């Protein structure tokens, strides 16, 4: 298929896996010609140093340059502190109208605009559309804060359960990719 890049979730490599499993995963990726570009979605569910450090240690051991994450706005200043310390980017994932903290990419951008450059957005284009965002404009508005993206398509731009094959729905996929190319 020509796939070169991959993200891990904890189902691929458990948060508490022994170090030997992290090393084995790195060898398997290298042998397959794959590059790990990130992982998640990781939920920062404890606003404590240990609660946040745990996931940065996981990302560091796995070799993730970007953590796709979520949590409350209150935990994000602590996350920012660790992003700086570990030099790992954190892309906050928006989850659509059901998400009380980050329904739209603009909710994430509002939070991270004054934070360290390692704090940014993982725009889920389906959830963003359902939250009423113009995904092409949101990508442009995010600029360098757009650190990751989850792609899907929807037959109905308001219905979560209308997911379909990318290109067969109503999302402006070609325009979005033209915008991403413009942004390099």
N, C-alpha and C. Protein backbone atom coordinates (compact mmCIF):
# COMPACT_ATOMS: atom_id res chain seq x y z
N UNK A 1 0.80 -1.21 0.00
CA UNK A 1 0.00 0.00 0.00
C UNK A 1 0.85 1.27 0.00
N UNK A 2 2.12 1.14 0.22
CA UNK A 2 2.98 2.31 0.24
C UNK A 2 2.92 3.10 1.53
N UNK A 3 2.40 2.50 2.58
CA UNK A 3 2.32 3.18 3.88
C UNK A 3 3.72 3.32 4.45
N UNK A 4 4.07 4.53 4.88
CA UNK A 4 5.39 4.79 5.44
C UNK A 4 5.34 5.25 6.89
N UNK A 5 4.19 5.77 7.30
CA UNK A 5 4.07 6.39 8.62
C UNK A 5 2.95 5.74 9.41
N UNK A 6 3.12 5.73 10.73
CA UNK A 6 2.12 5.07 11.59
C UNK A 6 2.02 5.81 12.93
N UNK A 7 0.84 5.77 13.50
CA UNK A 7 0.60 6.21 14.88
C UNK A 7 0.28 4.98 15.71
N UNK A 8 0.72 4.97 16.93
CA UNK A 8 0.38 3.89 17.86
C UNK A 8 -0.74 4.33 18.79
N UNK A 9 -1.51 3.37 19.21
CA UNK A 9 -2.45 3.53 20.31
C UNK A 9 -2.00 2.56 21.39
N UNK A 10 -2.56 2.69 22.55
CA UNK A 10 -2.15 1.79 23.63
C UNK A 10 -2.52 0.34 23.34
N UNK A 11 -3.42 0.09 22.39
CA UNK A 11 -3.73 -1.29 22.02
C UNK A 11 -2.57 -1.92 21.23
N UNK A 12 -1.73 -1.07 20.63
CA UNK A 12 -0.57 -1.57 19.90
C UNK A 12 0.63 -1.74 20.83
N UNK A 13 0.76 -0.83 21.76
CA UNK A 13 1.87 -0.85 22.70
C UNK A 13 1.33 -0.28 24.01
N UNK A 14 1.15 -1.16 24.97
CA UNK A 14 0.51 -0.78 26.23
C UNK A 14 1.34 0.25 26.99
N UNK A 15 0.64 1.14 27.66
CA UNK A 15 1.31 2.18 28.46
C UNK A 15 2.32 1.58 29.44
N UNK A 16 1.98 0.45 30.01
CA UNK A 16 2.83 -0.16 31.04
C UNK A 16 3.64 -1.34 30.53
N UNK A 17 3.85 -1.41 29.23
CA UNK A 17 4.63 -2.52 28.66
C UNK A 17 6.06 -2.47 29.19
N UNK A 18 6.66 -3.63 29.35
CA UNK A 18 8.07 -3.65 29.76
C UNK A 18 8.95 -3.00 28.68
N UNK A 19 10.10 -2.50 29.09
CA UNK A 19 11.01 -1.84 28.16
C UNK A 19 11.33 -2.72 26.96
N UNK A 20 11.44 -4.02 27.16
CA UNK A 20 11.77 -4.94 26.07
C UNK A 20 10.70 -4.89 24.97
N UNK A 21 9.45 -4.67 25.33
CA UNK A 21 8.39 -4.57 24.31
C UNK A 21 8.52 -3.29 23.50
N UNK A 22 8.94 -2.21 24.13
CA UNK A 22 9.18 -0.96 23.41
C UNK A 22 10.30 -1.15 22.39
N UNK A 23 11.37 -1.79 22.83
CA UNK A 23 12.50 -2.03 21.92
C UNK A 23 12.11 -2.95 20.78
N UNK A 24 11.32 -3.99 21.08
CA UNK A 24 10.87 -4.91 20.03
C UNK A 24 9.98 -4.19 19.02
N UNK A 25 9.11 -3.31 19.51
CA UNK A 25 8.23 -2.55 18.61
C UNK A 25 9.07 -1.67 17.69
N UNK A 26 10.09 -1.03 18.21
CA UNK A 26 10.97 -0.18 17.38
C UNK A 26 11.65 -1.01 16.30
N UNK A 27 12.12 -2.20 16.67
CA UNK A 27 12.78 -3.08 15.68
C UNK A 27 11.78 -3.51 14.60
N UNK A 28 10.56 -3.85 15.01
CA UNK A 28 9.53 -4.27 14.05
C UNK A 28 9.18 -3.14 13.07
N UNK A 29 9.06 -1.94 13.59
CA UNK A 29 8.77 -0.80 12.72
C UNK A 29 9.90 -0.59 11.72
N UNK A 30 11.13 -0.62 12.20
CA UNK A 30 12.28 -0.42 11.31
C UNK A 30 12.31 -1.51 10.23
N UNK A 31 12.08 -2.76 10.63
CA UNK A 31 12.11 -3.87 9.67
C UNK A 31 11.00 -3.73 8.62
N UNK A 32 9.89 -3.13 9.01
CA UNK A 32 8.77 -2.95 8.08
C UNK A 32 8.90 -1.66 7.26
N UNK A 33 9.92 -0.85 7.56
CA UNK A 33 10.11 0.39 6.84
C UNK A 33 9.12 1.47 7.24
N UNK A 34 8.61 1.39 8.48
CA UNK A 34 7.63 2.35 8.97
C UNK A 34 8.28 3.34 9.93
N UNK A 35 7.77 4.55 9.92
CA UNK A 35 8.21 5.59 10.83
C UNK A 35 7.08 5.95 11.77
N UNK A 36 7.33 5.89 13.05
CA UNK A 36 6.33 6.27 14.05
C UNK A 36 6.29 7.79 14.12
N UNK A 37 5.13 8.36 13.81
CA UNK A 37 4.99 9.82 13.82
C UNK A 37 4.20 10.34 15.01
N UNK A 38 3.60 9.43 15.77
CA UNK A 38 2.86 9.86 16.93
C UNK A 38 2.07 8.74 17.55
N UNK A 39 1.26 9.12 18.51
CA UNK A 39 0.44 8.12 19.19
C UNK A 39 -0.71 8.76 19.93
N UNK A 40 -1.71 7.96 20.16
CA UNK A 40 -2.86 8.43 20.93
C UNK A 40 -4.16 7.91 20.33
N UNK A 41 -5.21 8.30 20.83
CA UNK A 41 -5.44 9.44 21.69
C UNK A 41 -5.15 9.06 23.15
N UNK A 42 -4.35 9.90 23.79
CA UNK A 42 -3.94 9.72 25.18
C UNK A 42 -4.73 10.72 26.01
N UNK A 43 -5.42 10.22 27.02
CA UNK A 43 -6.24 11.07 27.88
C UNK A 43 -5.49 11.42 29.15
N UNK A 44 -5.24 12.71 29.34
CA UNK A 44 -4.64 13.18 30.60
C UNK A 44 -5.77 13.29 31.61
N UNK A 45 -5.92 12.25 32.41
CA UNK A 45 -7.07 12.16 33.32
C UNK A 45 -6.74 12.54 34.76
N UNK A 46 -5.46 12.79 35.04
CA UNK A 46 -5.06 13.19 36.40
C UNK A 46 -4.20 14.44 36.32
N UNK A 47 -4.61 15.49 36.98
CA UNK A 47 -3.88 16.75 36.98
C UNK A 47 -2.84 16.74 38.09
N UNK A 48 -1.89 15.79 37.96
CA UNK A 48 -0.76 15.68 38.88
C UNK A 48 0.49 15.47 38.03
N UNK A 49 1.64 15.79 38.59
CA UNK A 49 2.87 15.56 37.84
C UNK A 49 3.01 14.09 37.45
N UNK A 50 2.77 13.21 38.38
CA UNK A 50 2.90 11.77 38.08
C UNK A 50 1.87 11.33 37.04
N UNK A 51 0.65 11.85 37.15
CA UNK A 51 -0.40 11.49 36.20
C UNK A 51 -0.09 11.91 34.78
N UNK A 52 0.61 13.02 34.62
CA UNK A 52 0.99 13.52 33.29
C UNK A 52 2.32 12.91 32.84
N UNK A 53 3.28 12.85 33.73
CA UNK A 53 4.60 12.29 33.39
C UNK A 53 4.49 10.88 32.84
N UNK A 54 3.59 10.10 33.37
CA UNK A 54 3.42 8.71 32.93
C UNK A 54 3.28 8.62 31.41
N UNK A 55 2.49 9.50 30.84
CA UNK A 55 2.24 9.44 29.40
C UNK A 55 3.40 10.01 28.59
N UNK A 56 4.11 10.97 29.15
CA UNK A 56 5.30 11.48 28.47
C UNK A 56 6.41 10.43 28.48
N UNK A 57 6.53 9.69 29.57
CA UNK A 57 7.50 8.59 29.61
C UNK A 57 7.15 7.53 28.56
N UNK A 58 5.88 7.23 28.44
CA UNK A 58 5.40 6.28 27.43
C UNK A 58 5.80 6.77 26.03
N UNK A 59 5.49 8.02 25.73
CA UNK A 59 5.80 8.58 24.41
C UNK A 59 7.31 8.58 24.15
N UNK A 60 8.07 8.92 25.17
CA UNK A 60 9.52 8.95 25.03
C UNK A 60 10.07 7.56 24.74
N UNK A 61 9.62 6.56 25.52
CA UNK A 61 10.11 5.18 25.32
C UNK A 61 9.72 4.65 23.94
N UNK A 62 8.54 5.05 23.46
CA UNK A 62 8.08 4.58 22.15
C UNK A 62 8.74 5.35 21.01
N UNK A 63 9.26 6.55 21.30
CA UNK A 63 9.86 7.37 20.27
C UNK A 63 8.86 8.23 19.52
N UNK A 64 7.78 8.60 20.20
CA UNK A 64 6.73 9.42 19.58
C UNK A 64 7.11 10.90 19.60
N UNK A 65 7.17 11.54 18.44
CA UNK A 65 7.42 12.98 18.45
C UNK A 65 6.17 13.81 18.75
N UNK A 66 4.99 13.20 18.59
CA UNK A 66 3.72 13.89 18.82
C UNK A 66 2.80 12.97 19.61
N UNK A 67 2.17 13.53 20.64
CA UNK A 67 1.15 12.81 21.40
C UNK A 67 -0.21 13.44 21.05
N UNK A 68 -1.09 12.64 20.47
CA UNK A 68 -2.47 13.09 20.25
C UNK A 68 -3.18 12.87 21.57
N UNK A 69 -3.77 13.94 22.10
CA UNK A 69 -4.23 13.89 23.49
C UNK A 69 -5.56 14.59 23.70
N UNK A 70 -6.09 14.34 24.86
CA UNK A 70 -7.26 15.06 25.34
C UNK A 70 -7.18 15.14 26.85
N UNK A 71 -8.06 15.89 27.42
CA UNK A 71 -8.11 16.11 28.86
C UNK A 71 -8.91 17.36 29.11
N UNK A 72 -8.91 17.82 30.32
CA UNK A 72 -9.63 19.05 30.62
C UNK A 72 -8.73 20.25 30.35
N UNK A 73 -9.30 21.42 30.12
CA UNK A 73 -8.46 22.61 29.95
C UNK A 73 -7.57 22.87 31.17
N UNK A 74 -8.04 22.48 32.35
CA UNK A 74 -7.29 22.72 33.59
C UNK A 74 -5.97 21.95 33.64
N UNK A 75 -5.90 20.77 33.02
CA UNK A 75 -4.68 19.97 33.07
C UNK A 75 -3.65 20.42 32.03
N UNK A 76 -4.08 21.17 31.04
CA UNK A 76 -3.19 21.50 29.92
C UNK A 76 -1.98 22.37 30.28
N UNK A 77 -2.05 23.29 31.24
CA UNK A 77 -0.81 23.98 31.62
C UNK A 77 0.24 23.02 32.17
N UNK A 78 -0.19 22.01 32.90
CA UNK A 78 0.76 21.00 33.40
C UNK A 78 1.31 20.18 32.23
N UNK A 79 0.44 19.84 31.28
CA UNK A 79 0.87 19.11 30.08
C UNK A 79 1.90 19.95 29.33
N UNK A 80 1.65 21.25 29.20
CA UNK A 80 2.59 22.14 28.51
C UNK A 80 3.97 22.09 29.18
N UNK A 81 4.00 22.08 30.49
CA UNK A 81 5.27 22.02 31.23
C UNK A 81 6.05 20.77 30.82
N UNK A 82 5.37 19.65 30.73
CA UNK A 82 6.04 18.40 30.35
C UNK A 82 6.39 18.36 28.86
N UNK A 83 5.57 18.99 28.03
CA UNK A 83 5.89 19.08 26.59
C UNK A 83 7.23 19.78 26.40
N UNK A 84 7.45 20.83 27.17
CA UNK A 84 8.72 21.55 27.11
C UNK A 84 9.86 20.69 27.64
N UNK A 85 9.63 20.07 28.79
CA UNK A 85 10.67 19.26 29.43
C UNK A 85 11.09 18.09 28.55
N UNK A 86 10.13 17.40 27.93
CA UNK A 86 10.42 16.21 27.13
C UNK A 86 10.65 16.54 25.65
N UNK A 87 10.35 17.78 25.25
CA UNK A 87 10.42 18.19 23.85
C UNK A 87 9.58 17.27 22.96
N UNK A 88 8.36 17.04 23.41
CA UNK A 88 7.39 16.24 22.67
C UNK A 88 6.17 17.12 22.41
N UNK A 89 5.72 17.14 21.16
CA UNK A 89 4.55 17.94 20.81
C UNK A 89 3.27 17.26 21.31
N UNK A 90 2.29 18.08 21.67
CA UNK A 90 0.99 17.59 22.15
C UNK A 90 -0.08 18.18 21.24
N UNK A 91 -0.77 17.31 20.52
CA UNK A 91 -1.84 17.70 19.62
C UNK A 91 -3.17 17.37 20.28
N UNK A 92 -3.88 18.39 20.74
CA UNK A 92 -5.14 18.17 21.44
C UNK A 92 -6.22 17.86 20.41
N UNK A 93 -6.87 16.74 20.61
CA UNK A 93 -7.88 16.22 19.68
C UNK A 93 -9.25 16.79 20.02
N UNK A 94 -9.92 17.36 19.01
CA UNK A 94 -11.30 17.82 19.24
C UNK A 94 -12.26 16.67 18.91
N UNK A 95 -13.30 16.52 19.71
CA UNK A 95 -14.19 15.36 19.59
C UNK A 95 -15.63 15.69 19.21
N UNK A 96 -15.89 16.85 18.67
CA UNK A 96 -17.23 17.15 18.16
C UNK A 96 -18.19 17.64 19.22
N UNK A 97 -19.45 17.80 18.83
CA UNK A 97 -20.46 18.40 19.71
C UNK A 97 -20.62 17.72 21.07
N UNK A 98 -20.29 16.44 21.16
CA UNK A 98 -20.45 15.73 22.43
C UNK A 98 -19.35 16.07 23.43
N UNK A 99 -18.25 16.65 22.97
CA UNK A 99 -17.10 16.96 23.82
C UNK A 99 -17.36 18.28 24.53
N UNK A 100 -17.45 18.24 25.86
CA UNK A 100 -17.77 19.46 26.59
C UNK A 100 -16.58 20.42 26.70
N UNK A 101 -15.35 19.95 26.38
CA UNK A 101 -14.18 20.81 26.48
C UNK A 101 -13.68 21.29 25.11
N UNK A 102 -13.57 20.38 24.16
CA UNK A 102 -12.98 20.70 22.86
C UNK A 102 -13.83 20.16 21.71
N UNK A 103 -15.03 20.70 21.50
CA UNK A 103 -15.85 20.21 20.40
C UNK A 103 -15.30 20.60 19.03
N UNK A 104 -14.72 21.78 18.92
CA UNK A 104 -14.28 22.33 17.64
C UNK A 104 -12.78 22.57 17.66
N UNK A 105 -12.14 22.61 16.50
CA UNK A 105 -10.72 22.95 16.49
C UNK A 105 -10.46 24.33 17.09
N UNK A 106 -11.44 25.21 16.98
CA UNK A 106 -11.26 26.56 17.52
C UNK A 106 -11.22 26.58 19.05
N UNK A 107 -11.85 25.60 19.69
CA UNK A 107 -11.77 25.51 21.15
C UNK A 107 -10.34 25.14 21.58
N UNK A 108 -9.71 24.28 20.80
CA UNK A 108 -8.31 23.93 21.07
C UNK A 108 -7.42 25.13 20.79
N UNK A 109 -7.61 25.77 19.64
CA UNK A 109 -6.75 26.89 19.27
C UNK A 109 -6.84 28.03 20.27
N UNK A 110 -8.02 28.27 20.81
CA UNK A 110 -8.21 29.31 21.82
C UNK A 110 -7.34 29.01 23.05
N UNK A 111 -7.27 27.74 23.42
CA UNK A 111 -6.49 27.34 24.60
C UNK A 111 -4.98 27.44 24.34
N UNK A 112 -4.52 26.97 23.19
CA UNK A 112 -3.08 26.84 22.97
C UNK A 112 -2.41 28.09 22.40
N UNK A 113 -3.20 29.11 22.02
CA UNK A 113 -2.63 30.26 21.31
C UNK A 113 -1.51 30.97 22.08
N UNK A 114 -1.54 30.95 23.40
CA UNK A 114 -0.48 31.60 24.17
C UNK A 114 0.48 30.60 24.81
N UNK A 115 0.30 29.33 24.49
CA UNK A 115 1.15 28.29 25.06
C UNK A 115 2.39 28.06 24.19
N UNK A 116 3.28 27.26 24.69
CA UNK A 116 4.48 26.87 23.98
C UNK A 116 4.12 26.31 22.61
N UNK A 117 4.99 26.50 21.63
CA UNK A 117 4.73 26.06 20.26
C UNK A 117 4.53 24.55 20.13
N UNK A 118 4.94 23.79 21.14
CA UNK A 118 4.74 22.33 21.11
C UNK A 118 3.30 21.94 21.41
N UNK A 119 2.50 22.87 21.86
CA UNK A 119 1.08 22.62 22.15
C UNK A 119 0.27 23.03 20.93
N UNK A 120 -0.53 22.08 20.41
CA UNK A 120 -1.28 22.38 19.20
C UNK A 120 -2.53 21.54 19.07
N UNK A 121 -2.92 21.34 17.83
CA UNK A 121 -4.21 20.73 17.48
C UNK A 121 -4.03 19.45 16.70
N UNK A 122 -4.84 18.45 17.04
CA UNK A 122 -5.10 17.31 16.17
C UNK A 122 -6.53 17.51 15.70
N UNK A 123 -6.71 18.00 14.48
CA UNK A 123 -8.05 18.27 13.98
C UNK A 123 -8.67 16.99 13.44
N UNK A 124 -9.74 16.57 14.08
CA UNK A 124 -10.55 15.47 13.55
C UNK A 124 -11.55 16.11 12.60
N UNK A 125 -11.39 15.86 11.31
CA UNK A 125 -12.19 16.60 10.34
C UNK A 125 -13.67 16.24 10.37
N UNK A 126 -14.00 15.03 10.74
CA UNK A 126 -15.41 14.65 10.87
C UNK A 126 -16.05 15.33 12.06
N UNK A 127 -15.40 15.23 13.21
CA UNK A 127 -15.93 15.87 14.42
C UNK A 127 -15.98 17.39 14.25
N UNK A 128 -14.97 17.96 13.57
CA UNK A 128 -14.93 19.40 13.35
C UNK A 128 -16.12 19.85 12.51
N UNK A 129 -16.41 19.11 11.47
CA UNK A 129 -17.56 19.43 10.60
C UNK A 129 -18.84 19.35 11.39
N UNK A 130 -19.00 18.31 12.20
CA UNK A 130 -20.22 18.16 12.99
C UNK A 130 -20.36 19.28 14.01
N UNK A 131 -19.22 19.87 14.43
CA UNK A 131 -19.25 20.99 15.38
C UNK A 131 -19.47 22.33 14.67
N UNK A 132 -19.62 22.29 13.35
CA UNK A 132 -19.92 23.50 12.60
C UNK A 132 -18.72 24.23 12.02
N UNK A 133 -17.53 23.64 12.11
CA UNK A 133 -16.34 24.30 11.60
C UNK A 133 -16.17 24.04 10.11
N UNK A 134 -15.66 25.03 9.41
CA UNK A 134 -15.21 24.88 8.03
C UNK A 134 -13.79 24.34 8.13
N UNK A 135 -13.60 23.07 7.77
CA UNK A 135 -12.31 22.42 8.03
C UNK A 135 -11.16 23.00 7.20
N UNK A 136 -11.44 23.51 6.03
CA UNK A 136 -10.39 24.12 5.21
C UNK A 136 -9.93 25.41 5.88
N UNK A 137 -10.87 26.23 6.31
CA UNK A 137 -10.54 27.48 7.00
C UNK A 137 -9.87 27.18 8.34
N UNK A 138 -10.35 26.18 9.06
CA UNK A 138 -9.76 25.83 10.36
C UNK A 138 -8.31 25.39 10.20
N UNK A 139 -8.00 24.63 9.15
CA UNK A 139 -6.61 24.23 8.91
C UNK A 139 -5.75 25.46 8.67
N UNK A 140 -6.24 26.37 7.84
CA UNK A 140 -5.50 27.61 7.55
C UNK A 140 -5.33 28.44 8.82
N UNK A 141 -6.40 28.56 9.60
CA UNK A 141 -6.34 29.35 10.83
C UNK A 141 -5.40 28.73 11.86
N UNK A 142 -5.32 27.42 11.88
CA UNK A 142 -4.44 26.73 12.83
C UNK A 142 -2.97 26.94 12.46
N UNK A 143 -2.69 27.00 11.19
CA UNK A 143 -1.30 27.19 10.74
C UNK A 143 -0.36 26.19 11.37
N UNK A 144 0.74 26.65 11.96
CA UNK A 144 1.72 25.73 12.53
C UNK A 144 1.24 25.01 13.80
N UNK A 145 0.09 25.42 14.32
CA UNK A 145 -0.47 24.71 15.49
C UNK A 145 -1.19 23.42 15.07
N UNK A 146 -1.39 23.22 13.78
CA UNK A 146 -1.99 21.97 13.29
C UNK A 146 -0.89 20.92 13.26
N UNK A 147 -0.85 20.08 14.29
CA UNK A 147 0.23 19.12 14.46
C UNK A 147 -0.12 17.72 13.97
N UNK A 148 -1.42 17.43 13.84
CA UNK A 148 -1.87 16.10 13.44
C UNK A 148 -3.30 16.25 12.96
N UNK A 149 -3.78 15.25 12.25
CA UNK A 149 -5.14 15.29 11.75
C UNK A 149 -5.71 13.88 11.69
N UNK A 150 -6.96 13.74 12.09
CA UNK A 150 -7.68 12.48 11.92
C UNK A 150 -8.67 12.68 10.78
N UNK A 151 -8.54 11.85 9.77
CA UNK A 151 -9.36 12.01 8.56
C UNK A 151 -10.46 10.96 8.50
N UNK A 152 -11.62 11.42 8.10
CA UNK A 152 -12.76 10.56 7.84
C UNK A 152 -13.68 11.34 6.95
N UNK A 153 -14.75 10.74 6.49
CA UNK A 153 -15.74 11.45 5.70
C UNK A 153 -17.11 11.08 6.24
N UNK A 154 -18.08 11.92 5.96
CA UNK A 154 -19.45 11.73 6.43
C UNK A 154 -20.43 11.92 5.29
N UNK A 155 -21.43 11.07 5.21
CA UNK A 155 -22.51 11.25 4.23
C UNK A 155 -23.37 12.45 4.63
N UNK A 156 -23.52 12.66 5.94
CA UNK A 156 -24.29 13.77 6.49
C UNK A 156 -23.36 14.51 7.46
N UNK A 157 -23.05 15.77 7.17
CA UNK A 157 -22.10 16.54 7.96
C UNK A 157 -22.51 16.81 9.38
N UNK A 158 -23.71 16.37 9.77
CA UNK A 158 -24.16 16.56 11.15
C UNK A 158 -24.31 15.25 11.92
N UNK A 159 -24.13 14.12 11.23
CA UNK A 159 -24.41 12.81 11.84
C UNK A 159 -23.15 11.97 12.01
N UNK A 160 -22.78 11.74 13.25
CA UNK A 160 -21.59 10.93 13.59
C UNK A 160 -21.66 9.54 12.95
N UNK A 161 -22.84 8.95 12.94
CA UNK A 161 -22.99 7.58 12.45
C UNK A 161 -23.05 7.48 10.93
N UNK A 162 -22.80 8.59 10.22
CA UNK A 162 -22.87 8.55 8.76
C UNK A 162 -21.49 8.43 8.11
N UNK A 163 -20.49 7.95 8.88
CA UNK A 163 -19.15 7.80 8.32
C UNK A 163 -19.19 6.93 7.08
N UNK A 164 -18.33 7.29 6.13
CA UNK A 164 -18.26 6.55 4.87
C UNK A 164 -16.82 6.60 4.36
N UNK A 165 -16.59 5.96 3.26
CA UNK A 165 -15.26 5.96 2.65
C UNK A 165 -14.89 7.40 2.30
N UNK A 166 -13.65 7.77 2.62
CA UNK A 166 -13.19 9.13 2.34
C UNK A 166 -13.32 9.41 0.84
N UNK A 167 -13.98 10.51 0.55
CA UNK A 167 -14.23 10.90 -0.83
C UNK A 167 -15.65 10.63 -1.29
N UNK A 168 -16.36 9.82 -0.52
CA UNK A 168 -17.75 9.49 -0.88
C UNK A 168 -18.77 10.27 -0.06
N UNK A 169 -18.29 11.17 0.78
CA UNK A 169 -19.19 11.94 1.63
C UNK A 169 -19.23 13.40 1.23
N UNK A 170 -19.58 14.23 2.21
CA UNK A 170 -19.78 15.66 1.94
C UNK A 170 -18.59 16.54 2.36
N UNK A 171 -17.60 15.98 3.02
CA UNK A 171 -16.48 16.80 3.45
C UNK A 171 -15.63 17.23 2.26
N UNK A 172 -15.09 18.45 2.29
CA UNK A 172 -14.29 18.98 1.17
C UNK A 172 -12.85 18.45 1.21
N UNK A 173 -12.70 17.17 0.95
CA UNK A 173 -11.40 16.50 1.09
C UNK A 173 -10.35 17.11 0.16
N UNK A 174 -10.67 17.27 -1.12
CA UNK A 174 -9.68 17.80 -2.08
C UNK A 174 -9.26 19.21 -1.68
N UNK A 175 -10.23 20.05 -1.29
CA UNK A 175 -9.90 21.42 -0.90
C UNK A 175 -9.02 21.43 0.36
N UNK A 176 -9.32 20.53 1.29
CA UNK A 176 -8.52 20.44 2.51
C UNK A 176 -7.08 20.07 2.17
N UNK A 177 -6.90 19.09 1.30
CA UNK A 177 -5.54 18.69 0.94
C UNK A 177 -4.82 19.78 0.16
N UNK A 178 -5.53 20.55 -0.65
CA UNK A 178 -4.90 21.69 -1.32
C UNK A 178 -4.42 22.70 -0.27
N UNK A 179 -5.24 22.92 0.75
CA UNK A 179 -4.85 23.85 1.82
C UNK A 179 -3.63 23.32 2.57
N UNK A 180 -3.61 22.03 2.88
CA UNK A 180 -2.47 21.45 3.59
C UNK A 180 -1.20 21.56 2.74
N UNK A 181 -1.31 21.35 1.43
CA UNK A 181 -0.15 21.50 0.56
C UNK A 181 0.34 22.95 0.56
N UNK A 182 -0.59 23.89 0.54
CA UNK A 182 -0.24 25.32 0.58
C UNK A 182 0.53 25.64 1.87
N UNK A 183 0.12 24.98 2.94
CA UNK A 183 0.76 25.20 4.24
C UNK A 183 2.08 24.46 4.40
N UNK A 184 2.32 23.54 3.45
CA UNK A 184 3.51 22.67 3.48
C UNK A 184 3.55 21.80 4.70
